[in-house]
Amino acid sequence: MQTQKQPLYTHLKKCCTGVINADVLKFFAIATMIIDHIWQAGLVEARWFNWIGRLAFPIFAFQIAEGYAKTSNVKRYALRLFAFALISEIPFNIFCADWVFYPDYQNVIFTLLMGLVAIIAIDKAQKEPAVKNICLFGMIAVIIVILAELLL
């Protein structure tokens, strides 16, 4: 008689319990982000520093989803993320464009905040059918804006 295979995540949960936690993930994401910023600042010529740095975003995005699931106050969580995005925008602009105000490019924390807003909207749409149409309209509007930006 054949035994059923367990899904990979079940195996990973068993073998990695106590080894990889939120703090380890944050440290790894911060380390890869710093490696990317070293390349972005021009301190090294090795392009692979940038490739390593690309690992940071998915980890931070996962942490945002985890934070949403575990927070007791989603509104405060989103406001803290928004405040941190605003505070970090000026140093980001100076680093990227040597100017305090640079509307063409924002830091990644705004992207993470938009992801959090999308998670909140999806969760509300599943719980409240009336919100579903508003979310659908919003997604269509975003797709139209993205397509217009790409085509122009």
N, C-alpha and C. Protein backbone atom coordinates (compact mmCIF):
# COMPACT_ATOMS: atom_id res chain seq x y z
N MET A 1 0.83 -1.18 0.00
CA MET A 1 0.00 0.00 0.00
C MET A 1 0.88 1.25 0.00
N GLN A 2 0.57 2.18 -0.87
CA GLN A 2 1.37 3.40 -0.96
C GLN A 2 0.91 4.41 0.08
N THR A 3 1.88 5.14 0.60
CA THR A 3 1.54 6.21 1.52
C THR A 3 1.43 7.51 0.74
N GLN A 4 0.56 8.36 1.18
CA GLN A 4 0.40 9.65 0.51
C GLN A 4 1.56 10.56 0.85
N LYS A 5 2.01 11.28 -0.17
CA LYS A 5 3.07 12.26 0.07
C LYS A 5 2.49 13.46 0.78
N GLN A 6 3.26 13.98 1.74
CA GLN A 6 2.85 15.19 2.43
C GLN A 6 3.30 16.40 1.62
N PRO A 7 2.53 17.48 1.66
CA PRO A 7 2.95 18.68 0.95
C PRO A 7 4.29 19.19 1.48
N LEU A 8 5.02 19.90 0.64
CA LEU A 8 6.34 20.40 0.99
C LEU A 8 6.29 21.30 2.21
N TYR A 9 5.26 22.16 2.30
CA TYR A 9 5.21 23.08 3.43
C TYR A 9 5.07 22.35 4.76
N THR A 10 4.42 21.17 4.76
CA THR A 10 4.31 20.38 5.99
C THR A 10 5.69 19.89 6.41
N HIS A 11 6.45 19.42 5.43
CA HIS A 11 7.81 18.97 5.72
C HIS A 11 8.68 20.12 6.22
N LEU A 12 8.59 21.27 5.55
CA LEU A 12 9.39 22.41 5.95
C LEU A 12 9.00 22.90 7.35
N LYS A 13 7.71 22.85 7.65
CA LYS A 13 7.25 23.28 8.96
C LYS A 13 7.85 22.40 10.06
N LYS A 14 7.96 21.09 9.78
CA LYS A 14 8.52 20.17 10.76
C LYS A 14 10.03 20.36 10.93
N CYS A 15 10.75 20.50 9.81
CA CYS A 15 12.21 20.55 9.90
C CYS A 15 12.74 21.92 10.28
N CYS A 16 11.98 22.97 10.03
CA CYS A 16 12.50 24.32 10.25
C CYS A 16 11.90 25.00 11.48
N THR A 17 11.07 24.32 12.23
CA THR A 17 10.48 24.91 13.42
C THR A 17 11.59 25.27 14.40
N GLY A 18 11.60 26.51 14.81
CA GLY A 18 12.62 26.96 15.75
C GLY A 18 13.88 27.46 15.07
N VAL A 19 14.04 27.23 13.77
CA VAL A 19 15.24 27.66 13.06
C VAL A 19 14.97 28.96 12.32
N ILE A 20 13.90 28.98 11.55
CA ILE A 20 13.55 30.18 10.79
C ILE A 20 12.30 30.79 11.42
N ASN A 21 12.47 31.97 11.97
CA ASN A 21 11.33 32.69 12.52
C ASN A 21 11.30 34.09 11.92
N ALA A 22 10.39 34.92 12.37
CA ALA A 22 10.23 36.26 11.80
C ALA A 22 11.49 37.09 11.95
N ASP A 23 12.18 36.97 13.08
CA ASP A 23 13.40 37.75 13.29
C ASP A 23 14.51 37.33 12.35
N VAL A 24 14.65 36.04 12.11
CA VAL A 24 15.67 35.55 11.18
C VAL A 24 15.37 36.03 9.77
N LEU A 25 14.09 35.97 9.37
CA LEU A 25 13.69 36.46 8.05
C LEU A 25 13.97 37.95 7.91
N LYS A 26 13.65 38.73 8.94
CA LYS A 26 13.90 40.18 8.88
C LYS A 26 15.40 40.46 8.75
N PHE A 27 16.20 39.77 9.55
CA PHE A 27 17.65 39.97 9.49
C PHE A 27 18.18 39.62 8.10
N PHE A 28 17.72 38.50 7.55
CA PHE A 28 18.17 38.09 6.21
C PHE A 28 17.75 39.12 5.16
N ALA A 29 16.50 39.60 5.24
CA ALA A 29 16.02 40.60 4.29
C ALA A 29 16.81 41.90 4.41
N ILE A 30 17.07 42.33 5.63
CA ILE A 30 17.85 43.56 5.83
C ILE A 30 19.26 43.39 5.29
N ALA A 31 19.87 42.23 5.54
CA ALA A 31 21.23 41.98 5.04
C ALA A 31 21.28 42.01 3.51
N THR A 32 20.30 41.37 2.86
CA THR A 32 20.30 41.38 1.40
C THR A 32 20.00 42.78 0.86
N MET A 33 19.16 43.53 1.57
CA MET A 33 18.87 44.90 1.15
C MET A 33 20.12 45.77 1.26
N ILE A 34 20.88 45.61 2.32
CA ILE A 34 22.11 46.39 2.49
C ILE A 34 23.11 46.05 1.38
N ILE A 35 23.20 44.77 1.02
CA ILE A 35 24.09 44.36 -0.07
C ILE A 35 23.66 45.06 -1.37
N ASP A 36 22.37 45.12 -1.62
CA ASP A 36 21.86 45.81 -2.81
C ASP A 36 22.19 47.30 -2.76
N HIS A 37 22.02 47.93 -1.60
CA HIS A 37 22.29 49.36 -1.47
C HIS A 37 23.78 49.66 -1.64
N ILE A 38 24.63 48.74 -1.25
CA ILE A 38 26.07 48.93 -1.49
C ILE A 38 26.33 49.00 -2.99
N TRP A 39 25.66 48.14 -3.74
CA TRP A 39 25.81 48.20 -5.20
C TRP A 39 25.18 49.47 -5.76
N GLN A 40 23.99 49.83 -5.28
CA GLN A 40 23.30 51.02 -5.78
C GLN A 40 24.12 52.29 -5.53
N ALA A 41 24.84 52.33 -4.41
CA ALA A 41 25.64 53.50 -4.08
C ALA A 41 26.93 53.56 -4.91
N GLY A 42 27.20 52.50 -5.65
CA GLY A 42 28.40 52.49 -6.48
C GLY A 42 29.67 52.12 -5.73
N LEU A 43 29.53 51.53 -4.57
CA LEU A 43 30.71 51.16 -3.79
C LEU A 43 31.40 49.92 -4.34
N VAL A 44 30.65 49.11 -5.06
CA VAL A 44 31.22 47.93 -5.73
C VAL A 44 30.68 47.87 -7.15
N GLU A 45 31.42 47.24 -8.01
CA GLU A 45 31.01 47.11 -9.41
C GLU A 45 30.31 45.77 -9.68
N ALA A 46 30.31 44.88 -8.73
CA ALA A 46 29.76 43.54 -8.92
C ALA A 46 28.24 43.58 -9.02
N ARG A 47 27.72 43.30 -10.20
CA ARG A 47 26.27 43.34 -10.44
C ARG A 47 25.53 42.31 -9.59
N TRP A 48 26.19 41.24 -9.20
CA TRP A 48 25.52 40.21 -8.42
C TRP A 48 25.11 40.72 -7.04
N PHE A 49 25.68 41.82 -6.57
CA PHE A 49 25.20 42.43 -5.33
C PHE A 49 23.73 42.83 -5.49
N ASN A 50 23.40 43.36 -6.66
CA ASN A 50 22.03 43.75 -6.95
C ASN A 50 21.12 42.52 -6.99
N TRP A 51 21.60 41.45 -7.58
CA TRP A 51 20.80 40.23 -7.66
C TRP A 51 20.49 39.68 -6.26
N ILE A 52 21.47 39.70 -5.39
CA ILE A 52 21.25 39.25 -4.01
C ILE A 52 20.22 40.14 -3.34
N GLY A 53 20.31 41.43 -3.60
CA GLY A 53 19.39 42.39 -3.00
C GLY A 53 17.95 42.19 -3.40
N ARG A 54 17.73 41.57 -4.55
CA ARG A 54 16.35 41.34 -5.01
C ARG A 54 15.62 40.32 -4.14
N LEU A 55 16.33 39.62 -3.28
CA LEU A 55 15.67 38.67 -2.37
C LEU A 55 14.92 39.38 -1.25
N ALA A 56 15.26 40.62 -0.98
CA ALA A 56 14.68 41.33 0.16
C ALA A 56 13.18 41.59 0.00
N PHE A 57 12.76 42.05 -1.17
CA PHE A 57 11.35 42.46 -1.32
C PHE A 57 10.35 41.35 -1.04
N PRO A 58 10.51 40.16 -1.62
CA PRO A 58 9.50 39.12 -1.31
C PRO A 58 9.44 38.78 0.18
N ILE A 59 10.58 38.86 0.85
CA ILE A 59 10.58 38.57 2.29
C ILE A 59 9.83 39.67 3.04
N PHE A 60 10.10 40.93 2.69
CA PHE A 60 9.37 42.03 3.34
C PHE A 60 7.88 41.95 3.03
N ALA A 61 7.52 41.58 1.81
CA ALA A 61 6.10 41.44 1.45
C ALA A 61 5.45 40.33 2.28
N PHE A 62 6.16 39.24 2.45
CA PHE A 62 5.65 38.16 3.30
C PHE A 62 5.46 38.64 4.73
N GLN A 63 6.40 39.45 5.21
CA GLN A 63 6.30 39.97 6.58
C GLN A 63 5.10 40.90 6.72
N ILE A 64 4.78 41.65 5.67
CA ILE A 64 3.59 42.51 5.71
C ILE A 64 2.33 41.65 5.84
N ALA A 65 2.26 40.57 5.07
CA ALA A 65 1.11 39.67 5.15
C ALA A 65 1.02 39.03 6.53
N GLU A 66 2.15 38.62 7.07
CA GLU A 66 2.17 38.05 8.43
C GLU A 66 1.73 39.10 9.45
N GLY A 67 2.21 40.32 9.29
CA GLY A 67 1.83 41.39 10.20
C GLY A 67 0.34 41.65 10.18
N TYR A 68 -0.24 41.60 8.98
CA TYR A 68 -1.69 41.78 8.86
C TYR A 68 -2.44 40.67 9.61
N ALA A 69 -1.97 39.46 9.45
CA ALA A 69 -2.65 38.32 10.09
C ALA A 69 -2.52 38.36 11.62
N LYS A 70 -1.44 38.94 12.12
CA LYS A 70 -1.18 38.86 13.56
C LYS A 70 -1.45 40.14 14.33
N THR A 71 -1.68 41.26 13.64
CA THR A 71 -1.88 42.52 14.36
C THR A 71 -3.25 42.57 15.01
N SER A 72 -3.33 43.29 16.10
CA SER A 72 -4.63 43.45 16.76
C SER A 72 -5.35 44.69 16.26
N ASN A 73 -4.61 45.61 15.61
CA ASN A 73 -5.22 46.84 15.10
C ASN A 73 -4.64 47.14 13.72
N VAL A 74 -5.37 46.77 12.68
CA VAL A 74 -4.90 46.92 11.30
C VAL A 74 -4.72 48.39 10.94
N LYS A 75 -5.62 49.24 11.43
CA LYS A 75 -5.53 50.66 11.11
C LYS A 75 -4.22 51.26 11.64
N ARG A 76 -3.88 50.95 12.88
CA ARG A 76 -2.62 51.45 13.44
C ARG A 76 -1.42 50.88 12.70
N TYR A 77 -1.50 49.62 12.31
CA TYR A 77 -0.42 48.97 11.56
C TYR A 77 -0.20 49.70 10.23
N ALA A 78 -1.28 49.99 9.53
CA ALA A 78 -1.18 50.70 8.24
C ALA A 78 -0.67 52.13 8.45
N LEU A 79 -1.13 52.80 9.50
CA LEU A 79 -0.66 54.17 9.76
C LEU A 79 0.82 54.21 10.11
N ARG A 80 1.29 53.24 10.86
CA ARG A 80 2.74 53.17 11.16
C ARG A 80 3.54 52.95 9.90
N LEU A 81 3.05 52.07 9.03
CA LEU A 81 3.74 51.82 7.77
C LEU A 81 3.75 53.08 6.91
N PHE A 82 2.63 53.79 6.86
CA PHE A 82 2.54 55.04 6.09
C PHE A 82 3.49 56.09 6.66
N ALA A 83 3.52 56.22 7.98
CA ALA A 83 4.42 57.20 8.62
C ALA A 83 5.88 56.88 8.30
N PHE A 84 6.24 55.61 8.37
CA PHE A 84 7.62 55.23 8.07
C PHE A 84 7.93 55.47 6.59
N ALA A 85 6.96 55.25 5.71
CA ALA A 85 7.16 55.52 4.29
C ALA A 85 7.42 57.01 4.06
N LEU A 86 6.65 57.86 4.74
CA LEU A 86 6.85 59.31 4.59
C LEU A 86 8.20 59.76 5.15
N ILE A 87 8.54 59.26 6.33
CA ILE A 87 9.81 59.65 6.96
C ILE A 87 11.01 59.22 6.11
N SER A 88 10.93 58.06 5.52
CA SER A 88 12.07 57.55 4.74
C SER A 88 12.11 58.08 3.31
N GLU A 89 11.07 58.79 2.89
CA GLU A 89 11.02 59.27 1.50
C GLU A 89 12.08 60.33 1.21
N ILE A 90 12.29 61.27 2.12
CA ILE A 90 13.27 62.34 1.87
C ILE A 90 14.69 61.78 1.74
N PRO A 91 15.15 60.94 2.67
CA PRO A 91 16.50 60.36 2.47
C PRO A 91 16.58 59.53 1.18
N PHE A 92 15.50 58.84 0.85
CA PHE A 92 15.47 58.05 -0.39
C PHE A 92 15.62 58.95 -1.61
N ASN A 93 14.86 60.06 -1.63
CA ASN A 93 14.94 61.00 -2.74
C ASN A 93 16.34 61.60 -2.87
N ILE A 94 16.94 61.96 -1.76
CA ILE A 94 18.29 62.54 -1.79
C ILE A 94 19.28 61.51 -2.32
N PHE A 95 19.13 60.26 -1.91
CA PHE A 95 20.02 59.20 -2.37
C PHE A 95 19.85 58.94 -3.87
N CYS A 96 18.60 58.92 -4.33
CA CYS A 96 18.33 58.57 -5.73
C CYS A 96 18.49 59.73 -6.70
N ALA A 97 18.13 60.94 -6.27
CA ALA A 97 18.07 62.05 -7.22
C ALA A 97 18.79 63.30 -6.75
N ASP A 98 19.45 63.23 -5.60
CA ASP A 98 20.14 64.40 -5.03
C ASP A 98 19.18 65.58 -4.85
N TRP A 99 17.95 65.28 -4.52
CA TRP A 99 16.93 66.31 -4.35
C TRP A 99 15.93 65.83 -3.31
N VAL A 100 15.39 66.77 -2.52
CA VAL A 100 14.45 66.41 -1.46
C VAL A 100 13.13 65.91 -2.02
N PHE A 101 12.67 66.52 -3.10
CA PHE A 101 11.39 66.14 -3.70
C PHE A 101 11.64 65.53 -5.08
N TYR A 102 11.26 64.28 -5.25
CA TYR A 102 11.45 63.59 -6.52
C TYR A 102 10.21 62.72 -6.78
N PRO A 103 9.19 63.26 -7.45
CA PRO A 103 7.92 62.55 -7.59
C PRO A 103 7.94 61.36 -8.55
N ASP A 104 8.99 61.20 -9.33
CA ASP A 104 9.01 60.13 -10.32
C ASP A 104 9.28 58.74 -9.73
N TYR A 105 9.78 58.69 -8.52
CA TYR A 105 10.23 57.40 -7.97
C TYR A 105 10.07 57.44 -6.46
N GLN A 106 9.34 56.47 -5.89
CA GLN A 106 9.15 56.43 -4.45
C GLN A 106 9.85 55.21 -3.85
N ASN A 107 10.05 55.27 -2.54
CA ASN A 107 10.69 54.13 -1.88
C ASN A 107 9.74 52.94 -1.82
N VAL A 108 10.29 51.80 -1.55
CA VAL A 108 9.54 50.55 -1.64
C VAL A 108 8.50 50.40 -0.52
N ILE A 109 8.61 51.20 0.52
CA ILE A 109 7.66 51.09 1.62
C ILE A 109 6.26 51.49 1.16
N PHE A 110 6.16 52.42 0.22
CA PHE A 110 4.85 52.74 -0.34
C PHE A 110 4.26 51.53 -1.08
N THR A 111 5.10 50.78 -1.76
CA THR A 111 4.64 49.57 -2.45
C THR A 111 4.16 48.54 -1.45
N LEU A 112 4.90 48.39 -0.36
CA LEU A 112 4.47 47.45 0.69
C LEU A 112 3.15 47.91 1.32
N LEU A 113 2.99 49.21 1.48
CA LEU A 113 1.74 49.75 2.01
C LEU A 113 0.58 49.46 1.07
N MET A 114 0.80 49.61 -0.24
CA MET A 114 -0.25 49.29 -1.21
C MET A 114 -0.61 47.81 -1.14
N GLY A 115 0.38 46.96 -0.91
CA GLY A 115 0.11 45.53 -0.73
C GLY A 115 -0.75 45.28 0.49
N LEU A 116 -0.46 45.98 1.58
CA LEU A 116 -1.27 45.85 2.78
C LEU A 116 -2.71 46.31 2.52
N VAL A 117 -2.86 47.42 1.82
CA VAL A 117 -4.21 47.92 1.48
C VAL A 117 -4.94 46.89 0.62
N ALA A 118 -4.22 46.26 -0.31
CA ALA A 118 -4.85 45.22 -1.15
C ALA A 118 -5.29 44.03 -0.30
N ILE A 119 -4.48 43.64 0.65
CA ILE A 119 -4.85 42.52 1.55
C ILE A 119 -6.10 42.89 2.35
N ILE A 120 -6.14 44.11 2.86
CA ILE A 120 -7.30 44.56 3.63
C ILE A 120 -8.55 44.55 2.75
N ALA A 121 -8.42 45.05 1.50
CA ALA A 121 -9.56 45.09 0.59
C ALA A 121 -10.05 43.69 0.24
N ILE A 122 -9.14 42.79 -0.03
CA ILE A 122 -9.53 41.41 -0.37
C ILE A 122 -10.23 40.76 0.82
N ASP A 123 -9.70 40.97 2.01
CA ASP A 123 -10.30 40.39 3.21
C ASP A 123 -11.71 40.95 3.43
N LYS A 124 -11.87 42.25 3.27
CA LYS A 124 -13.20 42.86 3.43
C LYS A 124 -14.16 42.39 2.34
N ALA A 125 -13.66 42.24 1.10
CA ALA A 125 -14.51 41.79 -0.01
C ALA A 125 -15.01 40.38 0.23
N GLN A 126 -14.21 39.55 0.87
CA GLN A 126 -14.65 38.19 1.16
C GLN A 126 -15.71 38.17 2.26
N LYS A 127 -15.62 39.12 3.18
CA LYS A 127 -16.55 39.15 4.30
C LYS A 127 -17.82 39.93 3.99
N GLU A 128 -17.71 40.97 3.14
CA GLU A 128 -18.85 41.83 2.84
C GLU A 128 -19.05 41.89 1.32
N PRO A 129 -20.12 41.28 0.81
CA PRO A 129 -20.34 41.25 -0.65
C PRO A 129 -20.44 42.63 -1.29
N ALA A 130 -20.92 43.64 -0.57
CA ALA A 130 -21.06 44.98 -1.16
C ALA A 130 -19.69 45.58 -1.47
N VAL A 131 -18.69 45.23 -0.70
CA VAL A 131 -17.34 45.76 -0.90
C VAL A 131 -16.69 45.12 -2.12
N LYS A 132 -17.16 43.94 -2.48
CA LYS A 132 -16.57 43.20 -3.61
C LYS A 132 -16.60 44.01 -4.90
N ASN A 133 -17.73 44.66 -5.19
CA ASN A 133 -17.85 45.47 -6.42
C ASN A 133 -16.93 46.67 -6.39
N ILE A 134 -16.77 47.30 -5.24
CA ILE A 134 -15.87 48.45 -5.11
C ILE A 134 -14.44 48.01 -5.36
N CYS A 135 -14.06 46.86 -4.80
CA CYS A 135 -12.71 46.33 -5.00
C CYS A 135 -12.48 45.98 -6.47
N LEU A 136 -13.46 45.39 -7.10
CA LEU A 136 -13.35 45.04 -8.51
C LEU A 136 -13.17 46.29 -9.36
N PHE A 137 -13.96 47.32 -9.07
CA PHE A 137 -13.83 48.59 -9.79
C PHE A 137 -12.43 49.19 -9.57
N GLY A 138 -11.95 49.14 -8.34
CA GLY A 138 -10.61 49.67 -8.03
C GLY A 138 -9.52 48.93 -8.77
N MET A 139 -9.63 47.60 -8.84
CA MET A 139 -8.63 46.81 -9.57
C MET A 139 -8.65 47.13 -11.06
N ILE A 140 -9.83 47.29 -11.62
CA ILE A 140 -9.93 47.65 -13.04
C ILE A 140 -9.31 49.02 -13.28
N ALA A 141 -9.56 49.97 -12.38
CA ALA A 141 -8.98 51.31 -12.52
C ALA A 141 -7.46 51.25 -12.45
N VAL A 142 -6.91 50.46 -11.55
CA VAL A 142 -5.46 50.32 -11.43
C VAL A 142 -4.88 49.70 -12.69
N ILE A 143 -5.53 48.68 -13.22
CA ILE A 143 -5.05 48.03 -14.46
C ILE A 143 -5.06 49.03 -15.62
N ILE A 144 -6.10 49.84 -15.71
CA ILE A 144 -6.18 50.85 -16.78
C ILE A 144 -5.04 51.86 -16.64
N VAL A 145 -4.78 52.30 -15.43
CA VAL A 145 -3.69 53.27 -15.21
C VAL A 145 -2.35 52.65 -15.57
N ILE A 146 -2.13 51.41 -15.18
CA ILE A 146 -0.86 50.74 -15.50
C ILE A 146 -0.70 50.58 -17.00
N LEU A 147 -1.75 50.13 -17.69
CA LEU A 147 -1.69 49.99 -19.13
C LEU A 147 -1.46 51.32 -19.83
N ALA A 148 -2.12 52.36 -19.36
CA ALA A 148 -1.92 53.68 -19.95
C ALA A 148 -0.48 54.16 -19.75
N GLU A 149 0.05 53.88 -18.60
CA GLU A 149 1.45 54.27 -18.32
C GLU A 149 2.43 53.50 -19.22
N LEU A 150 2.15 52.23 -19.43
CA LEU A 150 3.03 51.42 -20.28
C LEU A 150 2.94 51.80 -21.75
N LEU A 151 1.74 52.17 -22.18
CA LEU A 151 1.54 52.47 -23.60
C LEU A 151 1.94 53.89 -23.97
N LEU A 152 2.04 54.78 -23.02
CA LEU A 152 2.38 56.17 -23.34
C LEU A 152 3.84 56.44 -23.23
